[in-house]
Amino acid sequence: MKAFELIQPTSLDAALEALPGARDTKARDRVKILAGGQDLLGELKEHLIEPQTLVNLKSIPGLDQIEHRDDGSLRLGALVTLARIEEDRALRERFALLAEAAGAVASVQIRNAGTLGGNLCQRPRCWYYRHEQAVCIKKGGSECFAYGGLNKYNAILGGGPSYIVHPSDVAPALVALEAQAVIRGKRGERQVALEQFFTLPSEGSVLRENVLTSEEILTHVIVPAQSDAPWRSTYIKFRERGSYDFALSAVALRLSMDGDKVRDARLVLGGVAPIPWRCEKAEKAMVGRKLDAQTAEFVGKLALEGAEPLEHNAYKILLTQGLITKALRKLAN
């Protein structure tokens, strides 16, 4: 690990002062933000990044708070740990989907240290990106080595020119919950729908995975109140190992019911695309249908429509369709 300067600001303004300007794109690699450190410290140890400065957010008050608002919405600081999200009783009662997703992350030890903001902003887990000597397209190279190489874990939807998958578990859940990202920069604060927070490799710079500029910090996530209609939700993840592993595929499903028929739906996939993959066509197809075997088969096909598997990951199509069926059966009971 290369030596670096550690800055520990006690206010957001001080943290922002330590960041480079938005136009100084080269400085993005010289200054990095430290939240939980579960991903960033690994990158430092593996020499994937060698920043000159780390800006530690842990001394900034208020970023580790869970706020249950009177209007029924939820405001989560970026430094709230995944364990607290999983264990908060009021959160679990009102936003079970998010609690389930947080509980699906890695191990208890990692959830106790890993933060919401860090989980949303973590970098790809692709073998080639994580290999110190592989200068792939995500590290400024000219090609995605996974495209014609070892691609068992890579994207089947939305890929190109990079075929990474976004590794976050909480991201699909929050997109399904229509959450907003609160972003603070030197020019003020802005809110972005979390669905628009993540970027495909074909959109903008292939070197990044979200809309944050070099002078911005993700400070909070706001989850809107549930509507009056009764909602059911679940998060189902399939991993290669029984624990401590990233998703080969995951399903975040949220349904509003009118009797035994679907009134409204949000279906977001994880582990299969460079972003949390929302299946709008499948969502619309569910409306007015009963949660039966025919609906599950129909929705599964629509959700994976347009999938373009690589040489070693076609299994993800049937796997994901099976997870969608499992999620629908769970919510039908």
C-alpha atoms as a PDB file:
ATOM      1  CA  MET A   1       0.000   0.000   0.000  1.00  0.00           C
ATOM      2  CA  LYS A   2       1.361   3.386  -0.996  1.00  0.00           C
ATOM      3  CA  ALA A   3       1.575   6.055   1.712  1.00  0.00           C
ATOM      4  CA  PHE A   4      -1.151   8.699   1.682  1.00  0.00           C
ATOM      5  CA  GLU A   5      -2.324  11.749   3.615  1.00  0.00           C
ATOM      6  CA  LEU A   6      -5.389  11.176   5.800  1.00  0.00           C
ATOM      7  CA  ILE A   7      -7.724  14.133   6.290  1.00  0.00           C
ATOM      8  CA  GLN A   8     -10.395  13.878   8.982  1.00  0.00           C
ATOM      9  CA  PRO A   9     -12.805  16.796   8.539  1.00  0.00           C
ATOM     10  CA  THR A  10     -15.460  17.513  11.158  1.00  0.00           C
ATOM     11  CA  SER A  11     -17.956  19.118   8.771  1.00  0.00           C
ATOM     12  CA  LEU A  12     -19.217  18.538   5.253  1.00  0.00           C
ATOM     13  CA  ASP A  13     -17.894  21.916   4.171  1.00  0.00           C
ATOM     14  CA  ALA A  14     -14.416  20.975   5.352  1.00  0.00           C
ATOM     15  CA  ALA A  15     -14.651  17.633   3.547  1.00  0.00           C
ATOM     16  CA  LEU A  16     -15.727  19.327   0.330  1.00  0.00           C
ATOM     17  CA  GLU A  17     -12.865  21.795   0.634  1.00  0.00           C
ATOM     18  CA  ALA A  18     -10.444  18.870   0.507  1.00  0.00           C
ATOM     19  CA  LEU A  19     -11.916  17.583  -2.759  1.00  0.00           C
ATOM     20  CA  PRO A  20     -10.730  18.693  -6.204  1.00  0.00           C
ATOM     21  CA  GLY A  21     -12.870  20.729  -8.593  1.00  0.00           C
ATOM     22  CA  ALA A  22     -15.348  19.062 -10.925  1.00  0.00           C
ATOM     23  CA  ARG A  23     -13.266  19.888 -13.989  1.00  0.00           C
ATOM     24  CA  ASP A  24     -10.077  18.433 -12.555  1.00  0.00           C
ATOM     25  CA  THR A  25     -10.751  14.894 -13.765  1.00  0.00           C
ATOM     26  CA  LYS A  26      -7.191  13.724 -13.142  1.00  0.00           C
ATOM     27  CA  ALA A  27      -7.500  14.660  -9.465  1.00  0.00           C
ATOM     28  CA  ARG A  28     -10.317  12.108  -9.064  1.00  0.00           C
ATOM     29  CA  ASP A  29      -7.662   9.424  -8.660  1.00  0.00           C
ATOM     30  CA  ARG A  30      -5.510  11.526  -6.308  1.00  0.00           C
ATOM     31  CA  VAL A  31      -8.238  12.121  -3.703  1.00  0.00           C
ATOM     32  CA  LYS A  32     -10.582   9.387  -2.460  1.00  0.00           C
ATOM     33  CA  ILE A  33     -13.431   9.415   0.050  1.00  0.00           C
ATOM     34  CA  LEU A  34     -13.326   6.930   2.936  1.00  0.00           C
ATOM     35  CA  ALA A  35     -16.630   5.713   4.389  1.00  0.00           C
ATOM     36  CA  GLY A  36     -16.684   2.162   5.802  1.00  0.00           C
ATOM     37  CA  GLY A  37     -13.491   1.235   3.982  1.00  0.00           C
ATOM     38  CA  GLN A  38     -14.506  -2.346   3.205  1.00  0.00           C
ATOM     39  CA  ASP A  39     -13.954  -1.854  -0.526  1.00  0.00           C
ATOM     40  CA  LEU A  40     -11.566   1.114  -0.635  1.00  0.00           C
ATOM     41  CA  LEU A  41      -8.972  -0.399   1.682  1.00  0.00           C
ATOM     42  CA  GLY A  42      -8.971  -3.565  -0.399  1.00  0.00           C
ATOM     43  CA  GLU A  43      -8.269  -1.523  -3.516  1.00  0.00           C
ATOM     44  CA  LEU A  44      -5.391   0.213  -1.746  1.00  0.00           C
ATOM     45  CA  LYS A  45      -3.855  -3.076  -0.602  1.00  0.00           C
ATOM     46  CA  GLU A  46      -4.161  -4.532  -4.094  1.00  0.00           C
ATOM     47  CA  HIS A  47      -2.587  -1.404  -5.660  1.00  0.00           C
ATOM     48  CA  LEU A  48      -5.631  -0.839  -7.845  1.00  0.00           C
ATOM     49  CA  ILE A  49      -5.615   2.784  -6.729  1.00  0.00           C
ATOM     50  CA  GLU A  50      -2.827   4.871  -5.193  1.00  0.00           C
ATOM     51  CA  PRO A  51      -4.362   8.152  -4.059  1.00  0.00           C
ATOM     52  CA  GLN A  52      -2.336  10.900  -2.456  1.00  0.00           C
ATOM     53  CA  THR A  53      -5.144  11.791  -0.049  1.00  0.00           C
ATOM     54  CA  LEU A  54      -8.017  10.046   1.744  1.00  0.00           C
ATOM     55  CA  VAL A  55     -10.872  12.140   3.129  1.00  0.00           C
ATOM     56  CA  ASN A  56     -12.373  10.265   6.074  1.00  0.00           C
ATOM     57  CA  LEU A  57     -16.061  11.081   6.600  1.00  0.00           C
ATOM     58  CA  LYS A  58     -16.431   9.321   9.949  1.00  0.00           C
ATOM     59  CA  SER A  59     -15.857  12.443  12.053  1.00  0.00           C
ATOM     60  CA  ILE A  60     -18.678  14.379  10.401  1.00  0.00           C
ATOM     61  CA  PRO A  61     -21.729  14.448  12.706  1.00  0.00           C
ATOM     62  CA  GLY A  62     -25.119  13.375  11.364  1.00  0.00           C
ATOM     63  CA  LEU A  63     -23.994  11.105   8.544  1.00  0.00           C
ATOM     64  CA  ASP A  64     -24.537   7.967  10.644  1.00  0.00           C
ATOM     65  CA  GLN A  65     -28.149   8.666  11.600  1.00  0.00           C
ATOM     66  CA  ILE A  66     -31.376   6.830  10.756  1.00  0.00           C
ATOM     67  CA  GLU A  67     -34.282   9.269  10.741  1.00  0.00           C
ATOM     68  CA  HIS A  68     -37.868   8.011  10.700  1.00  0.00           C
ATOM     69  CA  ARG A  69     -39.853  11.054   9.579  1.00  0.00           C
ATOM     70  CA  ASP A  70     -43.379  11.998  10.604  1.00  0.00           C
ATOM     71  CA  ASP A  71     -44.579  11.718   6.990  1.00  0.00           C
ATOM     72  CA  GLY A  72     -43.558   8.053   6.905  1.00  0.00           C
ATOM     73  CA  SER A  73     -40.418   8.542   4.858  1.00  0.00           C
ATOM     74  CA  LEU A  74     -36.945   7.406   5.866  1.00  0.00           C
ATOM     75  CA  ARG A  75     -33.710   9.416   5.770  1.00  0.00           C
ATOM     76  CA  LEU A  76     -30.503   7.408   6.002  1.00  0.00           C
ATOM     77  CA  GLY A  77     -27.060   8.915   6.420  1.00  0.00           C
ATOM     78  CA  ALA A  78     -24.385   7.573   4.110  1.00  0.00           C
ATOM     79  CA  LEU A  79     -22.384   6.304   7.099  1.00  0.00           C
ATOM     80  CA  VAL A  80     -25.205   4.217   8.573  1.00  0.00           C
ATOM     81  CA  THR A  81     -23.861   0.683   8.742  1.00  0.00           C
ATOM     82  CA  LEU A  82     -25.561  -2.169   6.940  1.00  0.00           C
ATOM     83  CA  ALA A  83     -25.966  -3.974  10.269  1.00  0.00           C
ATOM     84  CA  ARG A  84     -28.007  -1.086  11.673  1.00  0.00           C
ATOM     85  CA  ILE A  85     -30.242  -1.072   8.600  1.00  0.00           C
ATOM     86  CA  GLU A  86     -30.761  -4.800   8.978  1.00  0.00           C
ATOM     87  CA  GLU A  87     -31.503  -4.608  12.703  1.00  0.00           C
ATOM     88  CA  ASP A  88     -33.576  -1.412  13.024  1.00  0.00           C
ATOM     89  CA  ARG A  89     -36.997  -2.681  14.088  1.00  0.00           C
ATOM     90  CA  ALA A  90     -39.044   0.249  12.750  1.00  0.00           C
ATOM     91  CA  LEU A  91     -37.197   0.128   9.437  1.00  0.00           C
ATOM     92  CA  ARG A  92     -37.747  -3.589   9.084  1.00  0.00           C
ATOM     93  CA  GLU A  93     -41.468  -3.214   9.747  1.00  0.00           C
ATOM     94  CA  ARG A  94     -41.984  -0.475   7.137  1.00  0.00           C
ATOM     95  CA  PHE A  95     -39.216  -1.224   4.617  1.00  0.00           C
ATOM     96  CA  ALA A  96     -38.652  -4.977   4.867  1.00  0.00           C
ATOM     97  CA  LEU A  97     -37.176  -5.103   1.372  1.00  0.00           C
ATOM     98  CA  LEU A  98     -34.267  -2.845   2.387  1.00  0.00           C
ATOM     99  CA  ALA A  99     -33.629  -4.700   5.634  1.00  0.00           C
ATOM    100  CA  GLU A 100     -33.534  -8.031   3.790  1.00  0.00           C
ATOM    101  CA  ALA A 101     -31.090  -6.663   1.217  1.00  0.00           C
ATOM    102  CA  ALA A 102     -28.775  -5.233   3.888  1.00  0.00           C
ATOM    103  CA  GLY A 103     -28.835  -8.561   5.705  1.00  0.00           C
ATOM    104  CA  ALA A 104     -27.788 -10.358   2.508  1.00  0.00           C
ATOM    105  CA  VAL A 105     -24.447  -8.538   2.328  1.00  0.00           C
ATOM    106  CA  ALA A 106     -21.339 -10.609   3.069  1.00  0.00           C
ATOM    107  CA  SER A 107     -20.709 -11.481   6.729  1.00  0.00           C
ATOM    108  CA  VAL A 108     -21.800 -10.051  10.077  1.00  0.00           C
ATOM    109  CA  GLN A 109     -18.350  -8.533  10.564  1.00  0.00           C
ATOM    110  CA  ILE A 110     -18.478  -6.738   7.223  1.00  0.00           C
ATOM    111  CA  ARG A 111     -22.043  -5.521   7.814  1.00  0.00           C
ATOM    112  CA  ASN A 112     -20.921  -4.056  11.137  1.00  0.00           C
ATOM    113  CA  ALA A 113     -18.305  -1.937   9.364  1.00  0.00           C
ATOM    114  CA  GLY A 114     -19.686  -1.484   5.851  1.00  0.00           C
ATOM    115  CA  THR A 115     -21.787   1.608   5.250  1.00  0.00           C
ATOM    116  CA  LEU A 116     -24.763   2.425   3.070  1.00  0.00           C
ATOM    117  CA  GLY A 117     -22.824   4.976   1.040  1.00  0.00           C
ATOM    118  CA  GLY A 118     -19.860   2.674   0.630  1.00  0.00           C
ATOM    119  CA  ASN A 119     -22.054  -0.185  -0.519  1.00  0.00           C
ATOM    120  CA  LEU A 120     -23.737   1.995  -3.141  1.00  0.00           C
ATOM    121  CA  CYS A 121     -20.440   3.429  -4.403  1.00  0.00           C
ATOM    122  CA  GLN A 122     -18.274   0.305  -4.331  1.00  0.00           C
ATOM    123  CA  ARG A 123     -16.223  -0.607  -7.376  1.00  0.00           C
ATOM    124  CA  PRO A 124     -16.645  -3.696  -9.634  1.00  0.00           C
ATOM    125  CA  ARG A 125     -15.635  -7.167  -8.513  1.00  0.00           C
ATOM    126  CA  CYS A 126     -14.661  -8.397 -11.996  1.00  0.00           C
ATOM    127  CA  TRP A 127     -11.536 -10.581 -11.913  1.00  0.00           C
ATOM    128  CA  TYR A 128      -9.768  -8.423 -14.492  1.00  0.00           C
ATOM    129  CA  TYR A 129     -10.521  -5.146 -12.758  1.00  0.00           C
ATOM    130  CA  ARG A 130      -9.290  -6.625  -9.479  1.00  0.00           C
ATOM    131  CA  HIS A 131      -6.059  -7.935 -11.026  1.00  0.00           C
ATOM    132  CA  GLU A 132      -3.291  -5.433 -10.392  1.00  0.00           C
ATOM    133  CA  GLN A 133      -1.535  -6.068 -13.715  1.00  0.00           C
ATOM    134  CA  ALA A 134      -4.623  -6.251 -15.951  1.00  0.00           C
ATOM    135  CA  VAL A 135      -5.134  -2.805 -17.472  1.00  0.00           C
ATOM    136  CA  CYS A 136      -8.734  -3.350 -18.514  1.00  0.00           C
ATOM    137  CA  ILE A 137     -11.106  -0.741 -19.897  1.00  0.00           C
ATOM    138  CA  LYS A 138     -12.314   0.131 -16.376  1.00  0.00           C
ATOM    139  CA  LYS A 139      -8.745   1.121 -15.494  1.00  0.00           C
ATOM    140  CA  GLY A 140      -8.017   3.142 -18.619  1.00  0.00           C
ATOM    141  CA  GLY A 141      -7.196   0.297 -20.987  1.00  0.00           C
ATOM    142  CA  SER A 142      -8.659  -0.294 -24.420  1.00  0.00           C
ATOM    143  CA  GLU A 143     -10.742  -3.444 -23.941  1.00  0.00           C
ATOM    144  CA  CYS A 144     -12.883  -5.442 -21.549  1.00  0.00           C
ATOM    145  CA  PHE A 145     -10.925  -8.646 -21.050  1.00  0.00           C
ATOM    146  CA  ALA A 146     -14.011 -10.379 -19.655  1.00  0.00           C
ATOM    147  CA  TYR A 147     -15.806 -10.092 -23.001  1.00  0.00           C
ATOM    148  CA  GLY A 148     -13.706 -12.853 -24.550  1.00  0.00           C
ATOM    149  CA  GLY A 149     -12.204 -14.266 -21.373  1.00  0.00           C
ATOM    150  CA  LEU A 150     -13.427 -15.530 -18.011  1.00  0.00           C
ATOM    151  CA  ASN A 151     -16.920 -14.081 -17.764  1.00  0.00           C
ATOM    152  CA  LYS A 152     -18.871 -16.429 -15.511  1.00  0.00           C
ATOM    153  CA  TYR A 153     -19.783 -13.563 -13.176  1.00  0.00           C
ATOM    154  CA  ASN A 154     -20.226 -10.776 -15.700  1.00  0.00           C
ATOM    155  CA  ALA A 155     -23.205  -8.943 -17.218  1.00  0.00           C
ATOM    156  CA  ILE A 156     -25.909 -10.410 -19.416  1.00  0.00           C
ATOM    157  CA  LEU A 157     -27.891  -7.154 -19.601  1.00  0.00           C
ATOM    158  CA  GLY A 158     -26.676  -3.630 -20.393  1.00  0.00           C
ATOM    159  CA  GLY A 159     -23.090  -4.656 -21.042  1.00  0.00           C
ATOM    160  CA  GLY A 160     -20.604  -2.941 -23.330  1.00  0.00           C
ATOM    161  CA  PRO A 161     -17.990  -1.671 -23.682  1.00  0.00           C
ATOM    162  CA  SER A 162     -17.459  -3.001 -20.134  1.00  0.00           C
ATOM    163  CA  TYR A 163     -19.289  -6.072 -18.848  1.00  0.00           C
ATOM    164  CA  ILE A 164     -19.072  -5.523 -15.103  1.00  0.00           C
ATOM    165  CA  VAL A 165     -22.030  -6.139 -12.810  1.00  0.00           C
ATOM    166  CA  HIS A 166     -22.834  -3.736 -10.008  1.00  0.00           C
ATOM    167  CA  PRO A 167     -21.992  -5.548  -6.749  1.00  0.00           C
ATOM    168  CA  SER A 168     -24.390  -3.757  -4.357  1.00  0.00           C
ATOM    169  CA  ASP A 169     -27.230  -5.627  -2.656  1.00  0.00           C
ATOM    170  CA  VAL A 170     -28.946  -2.565  -1.208  1.00  0.00           C
ATOM    171  CA  ALA A 171     -28.973  -0.718  -4.555  1.00  0.00           C
ATOM    172  CA  PRO A 172     -31.655  -2.884  -6.263  1.00  0.00           C
ATOM    173  CA  ALA A 173     -33.799  -2.711  -3.115  1.00  0.00           C
ATOM    174  CA  LEU A 174     -33.550   1.079  -2.921  1.00  0.00           C
ATOM    175  CA  VAL A 175     -34.349   1.467  -6.626  1.00  0.00           C
ATOM    176  CA  ALA A 176     -37.421  -0.703  -6.096  1.00  0.00           C
ATOM    177  CA  LEU A 177     -38.377   1.557  -3.175  1.00  0.00           C
ATOM    178  CA  GLU A 178     -38.024   4.660  -5.404  1.00  0.00           C
ATOM    179  CA  ALA A 179     -35.330   6.137  -3.176  1.00  0.00           C
ATOM    180  CA  GLN A 180     -33.533   9.437  -3.761  1.00  0.00           C
ATOM    181  CA  ALA A 181     -29.801  10.081  -3.404  1.00  0.00           C
ATOM    182  CA  VAL A 182     -28.844  13.327  -1.665  1.00  0.00           C
ATOM    183  CA  ILE A 183     -25.591  14.672  -3.078  1.00  0.00           C
ATOM    184  CA  ARG A 184     -23.621  17.575  -1.637  1.00  0.00           C
ATOM    185  CA  GLY A 185     -21.068  19.459  -3.716  1.00  0.00           C
ATOM    186  CA  LYS A 186     -19.153  22.693  -3.652  1.00  0.00           C
ATOM    187  CA  ARG A 187     -21.962  24.319  -5.599  1.00  0.00           C
ATOM    188  CA  GLY A 188     -24.732  23.160  -3.304  1.00  0.00           C
ATOM    189  CA  GLU A 189     -26.989  20.163  -2.803  1.00  0.00           C
ATOM    190  CA  ARG A 190     -28.974  18.120  -5.314  1.00  0.00           C
ATOM    191  CA  GLN A 191     -31.250  15.094  -5.224  1.00  0.00           C
ATOM    192  CA  VAL A 192     -31.167  12.349  -7.814  1.00  0.00           C
ATOM    193  CA  ALA A 193     -33.501   9.381  -8.120  1.00  0.00           C
ATOM    194  CA  LEU A 194     -31.349   6.416  -7.177  1.00  0.00           C
ATOM    195  CA  GLU A 195     -32.417   4.773 -10.412  1.00  0.00           C
ATOM    196  CA  GLN A 196     -30.588   7.606 -12.203  1.00  0.00           C
ATOM    197  CA  PHE A 197     -27.623   7.639  -9.797  1.00  0.00           C
ATOM    198  CA  PHE A 198     -25.942   4.660 -11.467  1.00  0.00           C
ATOM    199  CA  THR A 199     -24.539   4.866 -15.000  1.00  0.00           C
ATOM    200  CA  LEU A 200     -24.005   2.259 -17.683  1.00  0.00           C
ATOM    201  CA  PRO A 201     -20.489   1.886 -19.149  1.00  0.00           C
ATOM    202  CA  SER A 202     -21.907   3.175 -22.436  1.00  0.00           C
ATOM    203  CA  GLU A 203     -23.106   6.371 -20.711  1.00  0.00           C
ATOM    204  CA  GLY A 204     -20.551   9.075 -19.969  1.00  0.00           C
ATOM    205  CA  SER A 205     -17.227   7.771 -18.674  1.00  0.00           C
ATOM    206  CA  VAL A 206     -16.586   4.041 -18.655  1.00  0.00           C
ATOM    207  CA  LEU A 207     -14.231   4.637 -15.715  1.00  0.00           C
ATOM    208  CA  ARG A 208     -17.034   5.324 -13.231  1.00  0.00           C
ATOM    209  CA  GLU A 209     -20.311   3.735 -12.150  1.00  0.00           C
ATOM    210  CA  ASN A 210     -22.352   6.699 -10.909  1.00  0.00           C
ATOM    211  CA  VAL A 211     -23.077  10.386 -11.459  1.00  0.00           C
ATOM    212  CA  LEU A 212     -20.891  11.738  -8.643  1.00  0.00           C
ATOM    213  CA  THR A 213     -18.343  14.293  -9.791  1.00  0.00           C
ATOM    214  CA  SER A 214     -14.929  14.641  -8.168  1.00  0.00           C
ATOM    215  CA  GLU A 215     -16.209  17.517  -5.993  1.00  0.00           C
ATOM    216  CA  GLU A 216     -19.322  15.734  -4.664  1.00  0.00           C
ATOM    217  CA  ILE A 217     -20.203  13.453  -1.755  1.00  0.00           C
ATOM    218  CA  LEU A 218     -23.207  11.161  -1.352  1.00  0.00           C
ATOM    219  CA  THR A 219     -24.518  12.244   2.057  1.00  0.00           C
ATOM    220  CA  HIS A 220     -27.970  10.662   2.497  1.00  0.00           C
ATOM    221  CA  VAL A 221     -30.556   8.404   0.941  1.00  0.00           C
ATOM    222  CA  ILE A 222     -34.245   9.237   1.274  1.00  0.00           C
ATOM    223  CA  VAL A 223     -36.819   6.458   0.996  1.00  0.00           C
ATOM    224  CA  PRO A 224     -40.321   7.841   0.415  1.00  0.00           C
ATOM    225  CA  ALA A 225     -43.265   6.756   2.523  1.00  0.00           C
ATOM    226  CA  GLN A 226     -45.240   3.777   1.296  1.00  0.00           C
ATOM    227  CA  SER A 227     -48.571   4.676  -0.284  1.00  0.00           C
ATOM    228  CA  ASP A 228     -51.856   3.741   1.357  1.00  0.00           C
ATOM    229  CA  ALA A 229     -52.136   0.629  -0.808  1.00  0.00           C
ATOM    230  CA  PRO A 230     -50.878  -2.537   0.904  1.00  0.00           C
ATOM    231  CA  TRP A 231     -47.360  -3.325  -0.315  1.00  0.00           C
ATOM    232  CA  ARG A 232     -45.548  -6.637  -0.232  1.00  0.00           C
ATOM    233  CA  SER A 233     -41.829  -6.865  -0.909  1.00  0.00           C
ATOM    234  CA  THR A 234     -38.855  -9.198  -0.797  1.00  0.00           C
ATOM    235  CA  TYR A 235     -35.194  -9.477  -1.745  1.00  0.00           C
ATOM    236  CA  ILE A 236     -33.874 -12.814  -2.943  1.00  0.00           C
ATOM    237  CA  LYS A 237     -30.202 -13.391  -3.712  1.00  0.00           C
ATOM    238  CA  PHE A 238     -28.382 -16.386  -5.161  1.00  0.00           C
ATOM    239  CA  ARG A 239     -24.692 -16.714  -4.408  1.00  0.00           C
ATOM    240  CA  GLU A 240     -22.149 -19.353  -5.261  1.00  0.00           C
ATOM    241  CA  ARG A 241     -21.196 -19.856  -1.622  1.00  0.00           C
ATOM    242  CA  GLY A 242     -23.634 -20.055   1.261  1.00  0.00           C
ATOM    243  CA  SER A 243     -22.297 -16.864   2.855  1.00  0.00           C
ATOM    244  CA  TYR A 244     -19.760 -14.082   2.399  1.00  0.00           C
ATOM    245  CA  ASP A 245     -20.314 -13.777  -1.335  1.00  0.00           C
ATOM    246  CA  PHE A 246     -21.641 -11.445  -4.000  1.00  0.00           C
ATOM    247  CA  ALA A 247     -24.797 -12.175  -5.969  1.00  0.00           C
ATOM    248  CA  LEU A 248     -24.699 -14.247  -9.128  1.00  0.00           C
ATOM    249  CA  SER A 249     -28.212 -12.902  -9.493  1.00  0.00           C
ATOM    250  CA  ALA A 250     -30.670 -11.123  -7.206  1.00  0.00           C
ATOM    251  CA  VAL A 251     -34.277  -9.958  -7.327  1.00  0.00           C
ATOM    252  CA  ALA A 252     -35.810  -6.982  -5.524  1.00  0.00           C
ATOM    253  CA  LEU A 253     -39.582  -7.204  -5.899  1.00  0.00           C
ATOM    254  CA  ARG A 254     -42.233  -4.833  -4.539  1.00  0.00           C
ATOM    255  CA  LEU A 255     -45.930  -5.304  -5.218  1.00  0.00           C
ATOM    256  CA  SER A 256     -49.116  -3.418  -4.398  1.00  0.00           C
ATOM    257  CA  MET A 257     -52.129  -5.703  -4.412  1.00  0.00           C
ATOM    258  CA  ASP A 258     -55.813  -5.179  -5.175  1.00  0.00           C
ATOM    259  CA  GLY A 259     -57.355  -8.302  -3.757  1.00  0.00           C
ATOM    260  CA  ASP A 260     -55.588 -11.225  -5.394  1.00  0.00           C
ATOM    261  CA  LYS A 261     -54.377  -9.166  -8.364  1.00  0.00           C
ATOM    262  CA  VAL A 262     -51.366  -6.903  -8.791  1.00  0.00           C
ATOM    263  CA  ARG A 263     -52.161  -3.190  -8.705  1.00  0.00           C
ATOM    264  CA  ASP A 264     -48.594  -1.903  -9.100  1.00  0.00           C
ATOM    265  CA  ALA A 265     -45.123  -3.441  -9.271  1.00  0.00           C
ATOM    266  CA  ARG A 266     -41.408  -2.644  -9.096  1.00  0.00           C
ATOM    267  CA  LEU A 267     -38.944  -5.319 -10.215  1.00  0.00           C
ATOM    268  CA  VAL A 268     -35.202  -4.664 -10.071  1.00  0.00           C
ATOM    269  CA  LEU A 269     -32.438  -7.189 -10.741  1.00  0.00           C
ATOM    270  CA  GLY A 270     -28.978  -7.348  -9.216  1.00  0.00           C
ATOM    271  CA  GLY A 271     -25.857  -9.219 -10.252  1.00  0.00           C
ATOM    272  CA  VAL A 272     -26.756  -9.296 -13.957  1.00  0.00           C
ATOM    273  CA  ALA A 273     -26.004  -5.779 -15.249  1.00  0.00           C
ATOM    274  CA  PRO A 274     -23.599  -2.865 -14.678  1.00  0.00           C
ATOM    275  CA  ILE A 275     -26.420  -1.068 -12.845  1.00  0.00           C
ATOM    276  CA  PRO A 276     -29.407  -2.198 -10.789  1.00  0.00           C
ATOM    277  CA  TRP A 277     -31.565  -3.364 -13.688  1.00  0.00           C
ATOM    278  CA  ARG A 278     -35.175  -2.219 -13.569  1.00  0.00           C
ATOM    279  CA  CYS A 279     -37.593  -4.347 -15.582  1.00  0.00           C
ATOM    280  CA  GLU A 280     -40.301  -1.847 -16.531  1.00  0.00           C
ATOM    281  CA  LYS A 281     -41.867  -4.004 -19.241  1.00  0.00           C
ATOM    282  CA  ALA A 282     -42.255  -6.889 -16.817  1.00  0.00           C
ATOM    283  CA  GLU A 283     -43.644  -4.535 -14.165  1.00  0.00           C
ATOM    284  CA  LYS A 284     -46.403  -3.330 -16.474  1.00  0.00           C
ATOM    285  CA  ALA A 285     -47.198  -6.893 -17.515  1.00  0.00           C
ATOM    286  CA  MET A 286     -47.859  -7.890 -13.904  1.00  0.00           C
ATOM    287  CA  VAL A 287     -50.583  -5.297 -13.369  1.00  0.00           C
ATOM    288  CA  GLY A 288     -54.035  -6.901 -13.242  1.00  0.00           C
ATOM    289  CA  ARG A 289     -52.643 -10.428 -13.043  1.00  0.00           C
ATOM    290  CA  LYS A 290     -52.852 -13.015 -10.287  1.00  0.00           C
ATOM    291  CA  LEU A 291     -49.629 -14.288  -8.744  1.00  0.00           C
ATOM    292  CA  ASP A 292     -49.783 -17.735 -10.318  1.00  0.00           C
ATOM    293  CA  ALA A 293     -47.420 -19.972 -12.283  1.00  0.00           C
ATOM    294  CA  GLN A 294     -48.436 -18.465 -15.630  1.00  0.00           C
ATOM    295  CA  THR A 295     -47.666 -14.954 -14.414  1.00  0.00           C
ATOM    296  CA  ALA A 296     -44.303 -16.052 -13.028  1.00  0.00           C
ATOM    297  CA  GLU A 297     -43.268 -17.652 -16.331  1.00  0.00           C
ATOM    298  CA  PHE A 298     -44.481 -14.671 -18.375  1.00  0.00           C
ATOM    299  CA  VAL A 299     -42.805 -12.098 -16.144  1.00  0.00           C
ATOM    300  CA  GLY A 300     -39.543 -14.038 -16.043  1.00  0.00           C
ATOM    301  CA  LYS A 301     -39.296 -14.104 -19.829  1.00  0.00           C
ATOM    302  CA  LEU A 302     -40.079 -10.396 -20.145  1.00  0.00           C
ATOM    303  CA  ALA A 303     -37.559  -9.440 -17.451  1.00  0.00           C
ATOM    304  CA  LEU A 304     -34.743 -11.227 -19.289  1.00  0.00           C
ATOM    305  CA  GLU A 305     -35.823 -10.101 -22.742  1.00  0.00           C
ATOM    306  CA  GLY A 306     -32.828  -8.741 -24.607  1.00  0.00           C
ATOM    307  CA  ALA A 307     -30.266 -10.585 -22.467  1.00  0.00           C
ATOM    308  CA  GLU A 308     -26.970 -11.142 -24.286  1.00  0.00           C
ATOM    309  CA  PRO A 309     -24.989 -13.713 -22.314  1.00  0.00           C
ATOM    310  CA  LEU A 310     -21.274 -14.155 -22.833  1.00  0.00           C
ATOM    311  CA  GLU A 311     -19.550 -17.512 -23.294  1.00  0.00           C
ATOM    312  CA  HIS A 312     -19.674 -18.624 -19.655  1.00  0.00           C
ATOM    313  CA  ASN A 313     -22.688 -16.893 -18.090  1.00  0.00           C
ATOM    314  CA  ALA A 314     -25.800 -17.968 -20.011  1.00  0.00           C
ATOM    315  CA  TYR A 315     -26.831 -19.821 -16.831  1.00  0.00           C
ATOM    316  CA  LYS A 316     -27.801 -16.429 -15.377  1.00  0.00           C
ATOM    317  CA  ILE A 317     -30.896 -16.273 -17.597  1.00  0.00           C
ATOM    318  CA  LEU A 318     -32.559 -19.388 -16.176  1.00  0.00           C
ATOM    319  CA  LEU A 319     -31.208 -18.636 -12.706  1.00  0.00           C
ATOM    320  CA  THR A 320     -32.749 -15.164 -12.687  1.00  0.00           C
ATOM    321  CA  GLN A 321     -36.054 -16.398 -14.080  1.00  0.00           C
ATOM    322  CA  GLY A 322     -36.122 -18.956 -11.283  1.00  0.00           C
ATOM    323  CA  LEU A 323     -35.462 -16.267  -8.660  1.00  0.00           C
ATOM    324  CA  ILE A 324     -38.285 -14.137 -10.048  1.00  0.00           C
ATOM    325  CA  THR A 325     -40.622 -17.128  -9.779  1.00  0.00           C
ATOM    326  CA  LYS A 326     -39.459 -17.727  -6.217  1.00  0.00           C
ATOM    327  CA  ALA A 327     -40.026 -14.082  -5.275  1.00  0.00           C
ATOM    328  CA  LEU A 328     -43.531 -14.039  -6.784  1.00  0.00           C
ATOM    329  CA  ARG A 329     -44.464 -17.265  -4.994  1.00  0.00           C
ATOM    330  CA  LYS A 330     -43.205 -15.843  -1.716  1.00  0.00           C
ATOM    331  CA  LEU A 331     -45.327 -12.702  -2.065  1.00  0.00           C
ATOM    332  CA  ALA A 332     -48.366 -14.695  -3.181  1.00  0.00           C
ATOM    333  CA  ASN A 333     -48.575 -16.422   0.217  1.00  0.00           C
END
